[in-house]
Amino acid sequence: MKYVCHAFMVITLFSLSCRLPKNSENQIDSAEKARFQKDSLIGGNMIKSEAPDAMTQINQGYALPRYDDGLAQSPINILSDSALKDRNQTFAIKFNTGIILIENLGYTIQLDFKQGSTTIAGGKTYSSLQFHFHTPSEHMIDGMTFPMEMHIVNVLEDSNEQIKPQYLVIGLLFKMGRENKFIKEFLNVIPPEQGKDTLAPGTVNFEDLLNAIPKNEVAGFYYYKGSLTTYPFSETVDWIVKKYILEASPEQIGVIEKTEGENARHVHALYARKVFSHDN
């Protein structure tokens, strides 16, 4: 299934026409919530491996939805034909980031941005925290799973990070194909055991990732309201999942998968939420 389908820089990822919809409350009645909790409890979270899907590593697993999850959880299966079109407002994302650290966390490979790195999206300023990988992908497109997914995690600067931080997470999907220049820059310096290593400025060039997206493809993405896919699963995330599927060689994906294991959380029901789409 999983194979179906520091130099400090200022770069513009994409400028496109799309309006992020306002927050809307999920209108789920108590009977439906009770049914969801009962069904999920039957599945439980019994599979134990290496995915960051529980409070402690020993309980982590390639996990089914848990009985105590909310109703706006991520990831989801994005049905492209059902996504709502929205082109009413210009929405631009601009990165001002530098990469300084690489970490082998045991359950994922993570690269950390330099403190003070920012992402400006839709006129809001976010602090850029880190990006990491999931093998296989967490999000599905029309029921299709990809061999790898990368998440760029940002937190809204004026949100209360201690009480209820507001996140913007950008998901990039990968298929097997040609060698990826960006991944090549750090693949050989991943710590072989759990731990972290600093990166000299310019070792990993974030612009190389963005340049791999053709100019005529940069405007396509899906948007929805969801959650973190790792503990504490906070339902305060604006998700952007790029439509363009990036490539990495089978060897590159294999190295990451061997290091972190199968760490993808299973998809969750959409319920009352809407998925919005912007086409190129």
C-alpha atoms as a PDB file:
ATOM      1  CA  MET A   1       0.000   0.000   0.000  1.00  0.00           C
ATOM      2  CA  LYS A   2       2.732   2.369   0.952  1.00  0.00           C
ATOM      3  CA  TYR A   3       4.275   2.296  -2.507  1.00  0.00           C
ATOM      4  CA  VAL A   4       1.156   2.932  -4.542  1.00  0.00           C
ATOM      5  CA  CYS A   5       1.422   5.695  -5.635  1.00  0.00           C
ATOM      6  CA  HIS A   6      22.864  28.732   6.924  1.00  0.00           C
ATOM      7  CA  ALA A   7      22.635  31.002   4.712  1.00  0.00           C
ATOM      8  CA  PHE A   8      19.676  33.003   5.889  1.00  0.00           C
ATOM      9  CA  MET A   9      17.370  33.363   2.947  1.00  0.00           C
ATOM     10  CA  VAL A  10      14.175  35.030   1.942  1.00  0.00           C
ATOM     11  CA  ILE A  11      12.289  33.151  -0.683  1.00  0.00           C
ATOM     12  CA  THR A  12       8.755  33.106  -1.967  1.00  0.00           C
ATOM     13  CA  LEU A  13       7.201  29.669  -2.153  1.00  0.00           C
ATOM     14  CA  PHE A  14       4.147  30.602  -4.044  1.00  0.00           C
ATOM     15  CA  SER A  15       1.710  33.385  -4.711  1.00  0.00           C
ATOM     16  CA  LEU A  16      -1.728  32.231  -5.527  1.00  0.00           C
ATOM     17  CA  SER A  17      -5.405  33.038  -5.402  1.00  0.00           C
ATOM     18  CA  CYS A  18      -7.167  31.362  -2.539  1.00  0.00           C
ATOM     19  CA  ARG A  19      -9.130  32.426   0.490  1.00  0.00           C
ATOM     20  CA  LEU A  20      -8.620  30.524   3.693  1.00  0.00           C
ATOM     21  CA  PRO A  21     -12.093  30.100   5.167  1.00  0.00           C
ATOM     22  CA  LYS A  22     -12.955  31.359   8.602  1.00  0.00           C
ATOM     23  CA  ASN A  23     -13.030  29.035  11.561  1.00  0.00           C
ATOM     24  CA  SER A  24     -16.238  27.072  11.747  1.00  0.00           C
ATOM     25  CA  GLU A  25     -17.366  24.926  14.633  1.00  0.00           C
ATOM     26  CA  ASN A  26     -17.948  21.245  13.971  1.00  0.00           C
ATOM     27  CA  GLN A  27     -21.661  20.583  14.313  1.00  0.00           C
ATOM     28  CA  ILE A  28     -21.680  16.976  15.464  1.00  0.00           C
ATOM     29  CA  ASP A  29     -24.537  15.804  17.653  1.00  0.00           C
ATOM     30  CA  SER A  30     -23.910  13.802  20.799  1.00  0.00           C
ATOM     31  CA  ALA A  31     -25.233  10.564  19.298  1.00  0.00           C
ATOM     32  CA  GLU A  32     -22.739  10.716  16.433  1.00  0.00           C
ATOM     33  CA  LYS A  33     -19.894  11.530  18.812  1.00  0.00           C
ATOM     34  CA  ALA A  34     -20.840   8.601  21.031  1.00  0.00           C
ATOM     35  CA  ARG A  35     -20.918   6.275  18.019  1.00  0.00           C
ATOM     36  CA  PHE A  36     -17.509   7.537  16.907  1.00  0.00           C
ATOM     37  CA  GLN A  37     -16.017   6.982  20.358  1.00  0.00           C
ATOM     38  CA  LYS A  38     -17.480   3.491  20.614  1.00  0.00           C
ATOM     39  CA  ASP A  39     -16.249   2.436  17.173  1.00  0.00           C
ATOM     40  CA  SER A  40     -12.805   3.879  17.786  1.00  0.00           C
ATOM     41  CA  LEU A  41     -12.522   2.179  21.169  1.00  0.00           C
ATOM     42  CA  ILE A  42     -13.005  -1.187  19.495  1.00  0.00           C
ATOM     43  CA  GLY A  43      -9.998  -0.514  17.264  1.00  0.00           C
ATOM     44  CA  GLY A  44      -7.917   0.959  20.063  1.00  0.00           C
ATOM     45  CA  ASN A  45      -4.256   1.683  19.634  1.00  0.00           C
ATOM     46  CA  MET A  46      -2.810  -1.793  19.885  1.00  0.00           C
ATOM     47  CA  ILE A  47      -0.150  -1.836  17.175  1.00  0.00           C
ATOM     48  CA  LYS A  48       3.190  -0.899  18.679  1.00  0.00           C
ATOM     49  CA  SER A  49       6.120   0.164  16.537  1.00  0.00           C
ATOM     50  CA  GLU A  50       7.807   3.537  16.212  1.00  0.00           C
ATOM     51  CA  ALA A  51       5.285   6.146  15.107  1.00  0.00           C
ATOM     52  CA  PRO A  52       4.805   9.333  17.194  1.00  0.00           C
ATOM     53  CA  ASP A  53       1.182   8.607  17.947  1.00  0.00           C
ATOM     54  CA  ALA A  54       1.074   8.323  21.719  1.00  0.00           C
ATOM     55  CA  MET A  55       2.297  10.006  24.868  1.00  0.00           C
ATOM     56  CA  THR A  56       5.220   7.659  25.388  1.00  0.00           C
ATOM     57  CA  GLN A  57       7.438   5.940  22.838  1.00  0.00           C
ATOM     58  CA  ILE A  58       6.603   2.439  24.045  1.00  0.00           C
ATOM     59  CA  ASN A  59       2.933   3.012  23.212  1.00  0.00           C
ATOM     60  CA  GLN A  60       3.560   4.619  19.857  1.00  0.00           C
ATOM     61  CA  GLY A  61       2.336   2.830  16.785  1.00  0.00           C
ATOM     62  CA  TYR A  62       1.050   2.943  13.255  1.00  0.00           C
ATOM     63  CA  ALA A  63      -2.128   3.815  15.023  1.00  0.00           C
ATOM     64  CA  LEU A  64      -5.837   3.691  14.503  1.00  0.00           C
ATOM     65  CA  PRO A  65      -7.917   6.611  15.796  1.00  0.00           C
ATOM     66  CA  ARG A  66      -8.186   6.498  19.561  1.00  0.00           C
ATOM     67  CA  TYR A  67     -11.429   6.653  21.531  1.00  0.00           C
ATOM     68  CA  ASP A  68     -10.520   9.998  23.129  1.00  0.00           C
ATOM     69  CA  ASP A  69      -9.624  11.797  19.904  1.00  0.00           C
ATOM     70  CA  GLY A  70     -11.659  14.834  18.887  1.00  0.00           C
ATOM     71  CA  LEU A  71     -13.636  15.328  15.703  1.00  0.00           C
ATOM     72  CA  ALA A  72     -11.163  17.534  13.844  1.00  0.00           C
ATOM     73  CA  GLN A  73      -8.199  15.182  13.737  1.00  0.00           C
ATOM     74  CA  SER A  74      -5.510  14.746  11.095  1.00  0.00           C
ATOM     75  CA  PRO A  75      -4.499  13.261   8.751  1.00  0.00           C
ATOM     76  CA  ILE A  76      -7.420  12.773   6.392  1.00  0.00           C
ATOM     77  CA  ASN A  77      -8.155  11.221   3.035  1.00  0.00           C
ATOM     78  CA  ILE A  78      -8.532  14.196   0.669  1.00  0.00           C
ATOM     79  CA  LEU A  79     -11.124  13.558  -2.032  1.00  0.00           C
ATOM     80  CA  SER A  80     -10.153  15.890  -4.844  1.00  0.00           C
ATOM     81  CA  ASP A  81     -13.537  15.798  -6.568  1.00  0.00           C
ATOM     82  CA  SER A  82     -15.327  16.840  -3.350  1.00  0.00           C
ATOM     83  CA  ALA A  83     -12.991  19.706  -2.418  1.00  0.00           C
ATOM     84  CA  LEU A  84     -14.576  23.157  -2.647  1.00  0.00           C
ATOM     85  CA  LYS A  85     -13.075  25.686  -5.052  1.00  0.00           C
ATOM     86  CA  ASP A  86     -12.040  29.047  -3.599  1.00  0.00           C
ATOM     87  CA  ARG A  87     -10.137  31.667  -5.593  1.00  0.00           C
ATOM     88  CA  ASN A  88     -11.402  34.910  -4.074  1.00  0.00           C
ATOM     89  CA  GLN A  89      -8.319  36.258  -2.349  1.00  0.00           C
ATOM     90  CA  THR A  90      -4.592  36.351  -2.983  1.00  0.00           C
ATOM     91  CA  PHE A  91      -2.727  34.150  -0.538  1.00  0.00           C
ATOM     92  CA  ALA A  92       1.075  34.180  -0.479  1.00  0.00           C
ATOM     93  CA  ILE A  93       3.632  32.247   1.553  1.00  0.00           C
ATOM     94  CA  LYS A  94       7.128  33.625   2.093  1.00  0.00           C
ATOM     95  CA  PHE A  95       9.885  31.874   4.017  1.00  0.00           C
ATOM     96  CA  ASN A  96      12.680  33.651   5.872  1.00  0.00           C
ATOM     97  CA  THR A  97      14.504  30.640   7.232  1.00  0.00           C
ATOM     98  CA  GLY A  98      17.825  28.990   7.932  1.00  0.00           C
ATOM     99  CA  ILE A  99      18.465  25.342   8.857  1.00  0.00           C
ATOM    100  CA  ILE A 100      20.889  24.712  11.722  1.00  0.00           C
ATOM    101  CA  LEU A 101      20.242  21.300  13.266  1.00  0.00           C
ATOM    102  CA  ILE A 102      19.421  17.729  12.233  1.00  0.00           C
ATOM    103  CA  GLU A 103      17.912  15.255  14.687  1.00  0.00           C
ATOM    104  CA  ASN A 104      17.327  11.527  14.733  1.00  0.00           C
ATOM    105  CA  LEU A 105      14.444  11.272  17.194  1.00  0.00           C
ATOM    106  CA  GLY A 106      14.069   7.532  16.787  1.00  0.00           C
ATOM    107  CA  TYR A 107      10.601   7.869  15.324  1.00  0.00           C
ATOM    108  CA  THR A 108      11.295  10.610  12.760  1.00  0.00           C
ATOM    109  CA  ILE A 109      14.045  12.603  11.053  1.00  0.00           C
ATOM    110  CA  GLN A 110      13.737  16.302  11.926  1.00  0.00           C
ATOM    111  CA  LEU A 111      15.613  19.397  10.791  1.00  0.00           C
ATOM    112  CA  ASP A 112      15.304  22.547  12.906  1.00  0.00           C
ATOM    113  CA  PHE A 113      15.137  26.115  11.679  1.00  0.00           C
ATOM    114  CA  LYS A 114      17.349  28.820  13.124  1.00  0.00           C
ATOM    115  CA  GLN A 115      15.706  30.769  15.938  1.00  0.00           C
ATOM    116  CA  GLY A 116      14.020  33.823  14.472  1.00  0.00           C
ATOM    117  CA  SER A 117      13.051  32.091  11.242  1.00  0.00           C
ATOM    118  CA  THR A 118       9.622  33.094  10.020  1.00  0.00           C
ATOM    119  CA  THR A 119       6.956  32.150   7.541  1.00  0.00           C
ATOM    120  CA  ILE A 120       4.473  34.767   6.368  1.00  0.00           C
ATOM    121  CA  ALA A 121       1.248  33.236   5.124  1.00  0.00           C
ATOM    122  CA  GLY A 122      -1.963  35.014   4.252  1.00  0.00           C
ATOM    123  CA  GLY A 123      -0.681  38.157   5.943  1.00  0.00           C
ATOM    124  CA  LYS A 124       0.039  36.367   9.235  1.00  0.00           C
ATOM    125  CA  THR A 125       3.538  35.878  10.626  1.00  0.00           C
ATOM    126  CA  TYR A 126       4.495  32.456  11.945  1.00  0.00           C
ATOM    127  CA  SER A 127       7.645  31.280  13.677  1.00  0.00           C
ATOM    128  CA  SER A 128       9.172  28.475  11.599  1.00  0.00           C
ATOM    129  CA  LEU A 129      10.031  25.614  13.952  1.00  0.00           C
ATOM    130  CA  GLN A 130      11.087  22.522  12.045  1.00  0.00           C
ATOM    131  CA  PHE A 131      10.287  20.048   9.314  1.00  0.00           C
ATOM    132  CA  HIS A 132      10.184  16.274   9.593  1.00  0.00           C
ATOM    133  CA  PHE A 133       9.239  13.159   7.639  1.00  0.00           C
ATOM    134  CA  HIS A 134       6.645  10.408   7.731  1.00  0.00           C
ATOM    135  CA  THR A 135       7.038   7.078   5.961  1.00  0.00           C
ATOM    136  CA  PRO A 136       4.625   6.271   4.432  1.00  0.00           C
ATOM    137  CA  SER A 137       2.605   9.442   3.900  1.00  0.00           C
ATOM    138  CA  GLU A 138      -0.036  10.374   6.445  1.00  0.00           C
ATOM    139  CA  HIS A 139      -2.434  12.192   4.120  1.00  0.00           C
ATOM    140  CA  MET A 140      -4.088  10.268   1.342  1.00  0.00           C
ATOM    141  CA  ILE A 141      -5.253  11.725  -1.967  1.00  0.00           C
ATOM    142  CA  ASP A 142      -8.314   9.967  -3.365  1.00  0.00           C
ATOM    143  CA  GLY A 143      -7.456   6.931  -1.249  1.00  0.00           C
ATOM    144  CA  MET A 144      -3.850   6.832  -2.445  1.00  0.00           C
ATOM    145  CA  THR A 145      -0.915   6.630  -0.029  1.00  0.00           C
ATOM    146  CA  PHE A 146       2.538   7.891  -1.013  1.00  0.00           C
ATOM    147  CA  PRO A 147       5.854   6.491   0.231  1.00  0.00           C
ATOM    148  CA  MET A 148       6.831   9.671   2.115  1.00  0.00           C
ATOM    149  CA  GLU A 149       5.448  12.962   3.414  1.00  0.00           C
ATOM    150  CA  MET A 150       7.270  16.026   4.765  1.00  0.00           C
ATOM    151  CA  HIS A 151       5.706  18.455   7.255  1.00  0.00           C
ATOM    152  CA  ILE A 152       6.877  22.061   7.668  1.00  0.00           C
ATOM    153  CA  VAL A 153       5.694  23.155  11.127  1.00  0.00           C
ATOM    154  CA  ASN A 154       5.043  26.818  11.957  1.00  0.00           C
ATOM    155  CA  VAL A 155       3.370  28.448  14.962  1.00  0.00           C
ATOM    156  CA  LEU A 156       1.504  31.764  14.883  1.00  0.00           C
ATOM    157  CA  GLU A 157       3.643  34.398  16.585  1.00  0.00           C
ATOM    158  CA  ASP A 158       0.832  36.165  18.433  1.00  0.00           C
ATOM    159  CA  SER A 159      -0.839  32.965  19.687  1.00  0.00           C
ATOM    160  CA  ASN A 160      -0.300  31.765  23.235  1.00  0.00           C
ATOM    161  CA  GLU A 161       2.184  28.938  22.778  1.00  0.00           C
ATOM    162  CA  GLN A 162       1.663  27.708  26.335  1.00  0.00           C
ATOM    163  CA  ILE A 163      -2.135  27.544  26.293  1.00  0.00           C
ATOM    164  CA  LYS A 164      -3.417  27.178  22.722  1.00  0.00           C
ATOM    165  CA  PRO A 165      -0.804  27.623  19.998  1.00  0.00           C
ATOM    166  CA  GLN A 166      -2.103  28.105  16.461  1.00  0.00           C
ATOM    167  CA  TYR A 167      -0.195  26.164  13.835  1.00  0.00           C
ATOM    168  CA  LEU A 168       0.303  26.280  10.098  1.00  0.00           C
ATOM    169  CA  VAL A 169       1.607  22.957   8.793  1.00  0.00           C
ATOM    170  CA  ILE A 170       2.531  22.511   5.137  1.00  0.00           C
ATOM    171  CA  GLY A 171       2.483  18.942   3.854  1.00  0.00           C
ATOM    172  CA  LEU A 172       4.560  17.849   0.855  1.00  0.00           C
ATOM    173  CA  LEU A 173       4.051  14.410  -0.644  1.00  0.00           C
ATOM    174  CA  PHE A 174       6.805  12.362  -2.299  1.00  0.00           C
ATOM    175  CA  LYS A 175       6.749   9.589  -4.860  1.00  0.00           C
ATOM    176  CA  MET A 176       9.654   7.411  -5.978  1.00  0.00           C
ATOM    177  CA  GLY A 177      11.509   8.806  -8.951  1.00  0.00           C
ATOM    178  CA  ARG A 178      14.622  10.869  -9.515  1.00  0.00           C
ATOM    179  CA  GLU A 179      17.136  11.725  -6.822  1.00  0.00           C
ATOM    180  CA  ASN A 180      16.070  14.750  -4.776  1.00  0.00           C
ATOM    181  CA  LYS A 181      18.761  17.437  -4.527  1.00  0.00           C
ATOM    182  CA  PHE A 182      17.419  18.827  -1.270  1.00  0.00           C
ATOM    183  CA  ILE A 183      17.294  15.474   0.516  1.00  0.00           C
ATOM    184  CA  LYS A 184      20.786  14.636  -0.762  1.00  0.00           C
ATOM    185  CA  GLU A 185      22.155  17.615   1.185  1.00  0.00           C
ATOM    186  CA  PHE A 186      21.395  16.060   4.580  1.00  0.00           C
ATOM    187  CA  LEU A 187      20.890  12.333   3.970  1.00  0.00           C
ATOM    188  CA  ASN A 188      24.489  11.413   4.776  1.00  0.00           C
ATOM    189  CA  VAL A 189      24.633  13.450   7.995  1.00  0.00           C
ATOM    190  CA  ILE A 190      21.610  11.921   9.728  1.00  0.00           C
ATOM    191  CA  PRO A 191      22.851  10.702  13.137  1.00  0.00           C
ATOM    192  CA  PRO A 192      22.980   6.877  12.977  1.00  0.00           C
ATOM    193  CA  GLU A 193      21.570   6.639  16.504  1.00  0.00           C
ATOM    194  CA  GLN A 194      19.118   8.861  18.355  1.00  0.00           C
ATOM    195  CA  GLY A 195      20.715  12.255  18.762  1.00  0.00           C
ATOM    196  CA  LYS A 196      21.377  15.567  17.046  1.00  0.00           C
ATOM    197  CA  ASP A 197      24.116  17.285  15.056  1.00  0.00           C
ATOM    198  CA  THR A 198      24.568  20.927  14.171  1.00  0.00           C
ATOM    199  CA  LEU A 199      24.718  21.950  10.517  1.00  0.00           C
ATOM    200  CA  ALA A 200      27.086  24.535   9.121  1.00  0.00           C
ATOM    201  CA  PRO A 201      25.346  27.498   7.428  1.00  0.00           C
ATOM    202  CA  GLY A 202      24.423  26.621   3.874  1.00  0.00           C
ATOM    203  CA  THR A 203      24.758  22.849   4.313  1.00  0.00           C
ATOM    204  CA  VAL A 204      21.056  22.385   3.664  1.00  0.00           C
ATOM    205  CA  ASN A 205      19.507  24.890   1.270  1.00  0.00           C
ATOM    206  CA  PHE A 206      15.735  25.191   1.755  1.00  0.00           C
ATOM    207  CA  GLU A 207      15.445  26.901  -1.607  1.00  0.00           C
ATOM    208  CA  ASP A 208      16.448  23.666  -3.331  1.00  0.00           C
ATOM    209  CA  LEU A 209      13.265  22.067  -2.009  1.00  0.00           C
ATOM    210  CA  LEU A 210      11.074  24.854  -3.326  1.00  0.00           C
ATOM    211  CA  ASN A 211      12.830  25.035  -6.682  1.00  0.00           C
ATOM    212  CA  ALA A 212      11.848  21.427  -7.334  1.00  0.00           C
ATOM    213  CA  ILE A 213       8.234  22.580  -7.748  1.00  0.00           C
ATOM    214  CA  PRO A 214       7.637  23.797 -11.326  1.00  0.00           C
ATOM    215  CA  LYS A 215       6.443  27.393 -11.555  1.00  0.00           C
ATOM    216  CA  ASN A 216       3.230  26.344 -13.246  1.00  0.00           C
ATOM    217  CA  GLU A 217       2.494  23.966 -10.341  1.00  0.00           C
ATOM    218  CA  VAL A 218       3.241  26.098  -7.290  1.00  0.00           C
ATOM    219  CA  ALA A 219      -0.308  27.411  -6.900  1.00  0.00           C
ATOM    220  CA  GLY A 220      -2.047  24.083  -6.314  1.00  0.00           C
ATOM    221  CA  PHE A 221      -2.908  23.005  -2.787  1.00  0.00           C
ATOM    222  CA  TYR A 222      -5.641  21.694  -0.496  1.00  0.00           C
ATOM    223  CA  TYR A 223      -6.589  23.444   2.735  1.00  0.00           C
ATOM    224  CA  TYR A 224      -8.517  22.248   5.777  1.00  0.00           C
ATOM    225  CA  LYS A 225      -8.745  22.663   9.554  1.00  0.00           C
ATOM    226  CA  GLY A 226      -7.217  19.821  11.525  1.00  0.00           C
ATOM    227  CA  SER A 227      -4.822  18.724  14.222  1.00  0.00           C
ATOM    228  CA  LEU A 228      -1.246  17.810  14.912  1.00  0.00           C
ATOM    229  CA  THR A 229      -0.649  14.171  13.963  1.00  0.00           C
ATOM    230  CA  THR A 230       1.547  13.628  17.018  1.00  0.00           C
ATOM    231  CA  TYR A 231       0.843  14.111  20.704  1.00  0.00           C
ATOM    232  CA  PRO A 232      -0.926  16.204  21.990  1.00  0.00           C
ATOM    233  CA  PHE A 233      -2.987  16.125  18.728  1.00  0.00           C
ATOM    234  CA  SER A 234      -4.046  19.772  19.191  1.00  0.00           C
ATOM    235  CA  GLU A 235      -6.937  20.730  16.894  1.00  0.00           C
ATOM    236  CA  THR A 236      -5.492  24.166  16.169  1.00  0.00           C
ATOM    237  CA  VAL A 237      -3.833  23.541  12.809  1.00  0.00           C
ATOM    238  CA  ASP A 238      -4.342  25.160   9.416  1.00  0.00           C
ATOM    239  CA  TRP A 239      -3.276  22.426   7.018  1.00  0.00           C
ATOM    240  CA  ILE A 240      -1.945  23.123   3.524  1.00  0.00           C
ATOM    241  CA  VAL A 241      -1.234  19.996   1.488  1.00  0.00           C
ATOM    242  CA  LYS A 242       0.486  20.694  -1.795  1.00  0.00           C
ATOM    243  CA  LYS A 243      -1.013  19.073  -4.890  1.00  0.00           C
ATOM    244  CA  TYR A 244       2.287  18.732  -6.707  1.00  0.00           C
ATOM    245  CA  ILE A 245       3.955  15.422  -5.841  1.00  0.00           C
ATOM    246  CA  LEU A 246       7.703  15.753  -5.340  1.00  0.00           C
ATOM    247  CA  GLU A 247      10.186  13.039  -6.239  1.00  0.00           C
ATOM    248  CA  ALA A 248      12.937  11.291  -4.303  1.00  0.00           C
ATOM    249  CA  SER A 249      14.889   8.227  -5.293  1.00  0.00           C
ATOM    250  CA  PRO A 250      13.919   4.820  -3.871  1.00  0.00           C
ATOM    251  CA  GLU A 251      17.297   4.771  -2.118  1.00  0.00           C
ATOM    252  CA  GLN A 252      16.710   8.144  -0.451  1.00  0.00           C
ATOM    253  CA  ILE A 253      13.252   7.208   0.759  1.00  0.00           C
ATOM    254  CA  GLY A 254      14.614   3.841   1.896  1.00  0.00           C
ATOM    255  CA  VAL A 255      17.294   5.442   4.080  1.00  0.00           C
ATOM    256  CA  ILE A 256      14.733   7.674   5.817  1.00  0.00           C
ATOM    257  CA  GLU A 257      12.279   4.823   6.258  1.00  0.00           C
ATOM    258  CA  LYS A 258      14.947   2.533   7.686  1.00  0.00           C
ATOM    259  CA  THR A 259      15.954   5.214  10.182  1.00  0.00           C
ATOM    260  CA  GLU A 260      12.506   6.227  11.430  1.00  0.00           C
ATOM    261  CA  GLY A 261      10.330   3.187  10.700  1.00  0.00           C
ATOM    262  CA  GLU A 262       6.663   3.282   9.730  1.00  0.00           C
ATOM    263  CA  ASN A 263       5.553   6.420  11.532  1.00  0.00           C
ATOM    264  CA  ALA A 264       2.365   7.459   9.761  1.00  0.00           C
ATOM    265  CA  ARG A 265      -0.820   8.006  11.683  1.00  0.00           C
ATOM    266  CA  HIS A 266      -3.957   6.520  10.136  1.00  0.00           C
ATOM    267  CA  VAL A 267      -6.480   8.828   8.466  1.00  0.00           C
ATOM    268  CA  HIS A 268      -9.434  10.201  10.438  1.00  0.00           C
ATOM    269  CA  ALA A 269     -12.986  11.020   9.469  1.00  0.00           C
ATOM    270  CA  LEU A 270     -13.689  14.491   8.059  1.00  0.00           C
ATOM    271  CA  TYR A 271     -17.056  14.941   9.807  1.00  0.00           C
ATOM    272  CA  ALA A 272     -18.418  18.500   9.417  1.00  0.00           C
ATOM    273  CA  ARG A 273     -15.174  19.959   8.106  1.00  0.00           C
ATOM    274  CA  LYS A 274     -14.674  21.179   4.557  1.00  0.00           C
ATOM    275  CA  VAL A 275     -11.635  20.748   2.335  1.00  0.00           C
ATOM    276  CA  PHE A 276     -10.857  23.673   0.038  1.00  0.00           C
ATOM    277  CA  SER A 277      -8.934  23.460  -3.189  1.00  0.00           C
ATOM    278  CA  HIS A 278      -6.953  25.881  -5.274  1.00  0.00           C
ATOM    279  CA  ASP A 279      -6.002  24.878  -8.805  1.00  0.00           C
ATOM    280  CA  ASN A 280      -3.058  26.104 -10.788  1.00  0.00           C
END
